[in-house]
C-alpha atoms as a PDB file:
ATOM      1  CA  UNK A   1     -15.340   0.823 -18.883  1.00  0.00           C
ATOM      2  CA  UNK A   2     -12.060  -1.015 -19.118  1.00  0.00           C
ATOM      3  CA  UNK A   3      -9.203  -0.450 -21.514  1.00  0.00           C
ATOM      4  CA  UNK A   4      -6.125  -2.442 -22.455  1.00  0.00           C
ATOM      5  CA  UNK A   5      -2.551  -1.443 -21.697  1.00  0.00           C
ATOM      6  CA  UNK A   6       0.814  -2.830 -22.740  1.00  0.00           C
ATOM      7  CA  UNK A   7       3.216  -3.820 -20.001  1.00  0.00           C
ATOM      8  CA  UNK A   8       6.818  -4.942 -20.407  1.00  0.00           C
ATOM      9  CA  UNK A   9       8.048  -7.394 -17.784  1.00  0.00           C
ATOM     10  CA  UNK A  10      11.199  -9.391 -17.295  1.00  0.00           C
ATOM     11  CA  UNK A  11      10.719 -13.034 -18.339  1.00  0.00           C
ATOM     12  CA  UNK A  12      11.414 -14.360 -14.827  1.00  0.00           C
ATOM     13  CA  UNK A  13       8.987 -11.869 -13.284  1.00  0.00           C
ATOM     14  CA  UNK A  14       6.300 -12.790 -15.791  1.00  0.00           C
ATOM     15  CA  UNK A  15       6.766 -16.493 -14.989  1.00  0.00           C
ATOM     16  CA  UNK A  16       6.397 -15.809 -11.251  1.00  0.00           C
ATOM     17  CA  UNK A  17       3.362 -13.609 -11.883  1.00  0.00           C
ATOM     18  CA  UNK A  18       1.705 -16.389 -13.879  1.00  0.00           C
ATOM     19  CA  UNK A  19       2.351 -18.849 -11.047  1.00  0.00           C
ATOM     20  CA  UNK A  20       0.960 -16.429  -8.467  1.00  0.00           C
ATOM     21  CA  UNK A  21      -2.105 -15.769 -10.601  1.00  0.00           C
ATOM     22  CA  UNK A  22      -2.736 -19.487 -11.028  1.00  0.00           C
ATOM     23  CA  UNK A  23      -2.350 -20.103  -7.287  1.00  0.00           C
ATOM     24  CA  UNK A  24      -4.885 -17.401  -6.463  1.00  0.00           C
ATOM     25  CA  UNK A  25      -7.272 -18.405  -9.225  1.00  0.00           C
ATOM     26  CA  UNK A  26      -6.907 -15.094 -11.002  1.00  0.00           C
ATOM     27  CA  UNK A  27      -5.256 -13.657 -14.064  1.00  0.00           C
ATOM     28  CA  UNK A  28      -2.186 -11.447 -14.150  1.00  0.00           C
ATOM     29  CA  UNK A  29      -4.470  -8.632 -15.256  1.00  0.00           C
ATOM     30  CA  UNK A  30      -6.777  -9.281 -12.291  1.00  0.00           C
ATOM     31  CA  UNK A  31      -3.864  -9.366  -9.847  1.00  0.00           C
ATOM     32  CA  UNK A  32      -2.424  -6.103 -11.154  1.00  0.00           C
ATOM     33  CA  UNK A  33      -5.812  -4.384 -11.202  1.00  0.00           C
ATOM     34  CA  UNK A  34      -6.525  -5.442  -7.608  1.00  0.00           C
ATOM     35  CA  UNK A  35      -3.109  -4.262  -6.413  1.00  0.00           C
ATOM     36  CA  UNK A  36      -3.441  -0.915  -8.182  1.00  0.00           C
ATOM     37  CA  UNK A  37      -6.903  -0.405  -6.690  1.00  0.00           C
ATOM     38  CA  UNK A  38      -5.499  -1.153  -3.227  1.00  0.00           C
ATOM     39  CA  UNK A  39      -2.622   1.318  -3.679  1.00  0.00           C
ATOM     40  CA  UNK A  40      -4.961   4.050  -4.912  1.00  0.00           C
ATOM     41  CA  UNK A  41      -7.470   3.431  -2.095  1.00  0.00           C
ATOM     42  CA  UNK A  42      -4.675   3.678   0.508  1.00  0.00           C
ATOM     43  CA  UNK A  43      -3.322   6.847  -1.065  1.00  0.00           C
ATOM     44  CA  UNK A  44      -6.753   8.497  -1.113  1.00  0.00           C
ATOM     45  CA  UNK A  45      -7.286   7.511   2.517  1.00  0.00           C
ATOM     46  CA  UNK A  46      -3.905   8.956   3.465  1.00  0.00           C
ATOM     47  CA  UNK A  47      -4.626  12.181   1.583  1.00  0.00           C
ATOM     48  CA  UNK A  48      -8.021  12.505   3.261  1.00  0.00           C
ATOM     49  CA  UNK A  49      -6.484  11.928   6.707  1.00  0.00           C
ATOM     50  CA  UNK A  50      -3.700  14.391   5.979  1.00  0.00           C
ATOM     51  CA  UNK A  51      -6.152  17.120   4.959  1.00  0.00           C
ATOM     52  CA  UNK A  52      -8.209  16.537   8.129  1.00  0.00           C
ATOM     53  CA  UNK A  53      -5.107  16.688  10.330  1.00  0.00           C
ATOM     54  CA  UNK A  54      -3.861  19.890   8.691  1.00  0.00           C
ATOM     55  CA  UNK A  55      -7.290  21.495   9.099  1.00  0.00           C
ATOM     56  CA  UNK A  56      -7.258  20.621  12.806  1.00  0.00           C
ATOM     57  CA  UNK A  57      -3.773  22.101  13.172  1.00  0.00           C
ATOM     58  CA  UNK A  58      -4.883  25.324  11.478  1.00  0.00           C
ATOM     59  CA  UNK A  59      -7.924  25.530  13.754  1.00  0.00           C
ATOM     60  CA  UNK A  60      -5.809  24.987  16.843  1.00  0.00           C
ATOM     61  CA  UNK A  61      -6.815  23.754  20.255  1.00  0.00           C
ATOM     62  CA  UNK A  62      -8.011  26.113  22.967  1.00  0.00           C
ATOM     63  CA  UNK A  63      -6.470  25.003  26.267  1.00  0.00           C
ATOM     64  CA  UNK A  64      -8.232  27.835  28.132  1.00  0.00           C
ATOM     65  CA  UNK A  65      -4.951  29.004  29.622  1.00  0.00           C
ATOM     66  CA  UNK A  66      -4.602  32.691  30.346  1.00  0.00           C
ATOM     67  CA  UNK A  67      -1.443  34.338  31.639  1.00  0.00           C
ATOM     68  CA  UNK A  68      -1.666  35.783  35.160  1.00  0.00           C
ATOM     69  CA  UNK A  69      -2.546  39.472  35.296  1.00  0.00           C
ATOM     70  CA  UNK A  70       0.102  40.402  37.834  1.00  0.00           C
ATOM     71  CA  UNK A  71       3.165  39.129  39.648  1.00  0.00           C
ATOM     72  CA  UNK A  72       1.184  38.865  42.890  1.00  0.00           C
ATOM     73  CA  UNK A  73      -1.472  36.760  41.218  1.00  0.00           C
ATOM     74  CA  UNK A  74       1.256  34.449  39.886  1.00  0.00           C
ATOM     75  CA  UNK A  75       2.676  33.840  43.373  1.00  0.00           C
ATOM     76  CA  UNK A  76      -0.676  33.562  45.164  1.00  0.00           C
ATOM     77  CA  UNK A  77      -1.005  30.450  47.249  1.00  0.00           C
END
């Protein structure tokens, strides 16, 4: 379902948008819709990646390192 919105643009910007739309074979509405979809898709992807990264940080990474039990064990060669 699509709905209409009202958008106020500067006259010069509107003229350039009309030219761009004509060059790409689209309408101003189509150009704006495509750009908004792209921005939202990128933002959702970033949010998803961010959540995954934070979950990995919370989980941590086991490096299997254990401190030596004694001073002698530390200096063993």
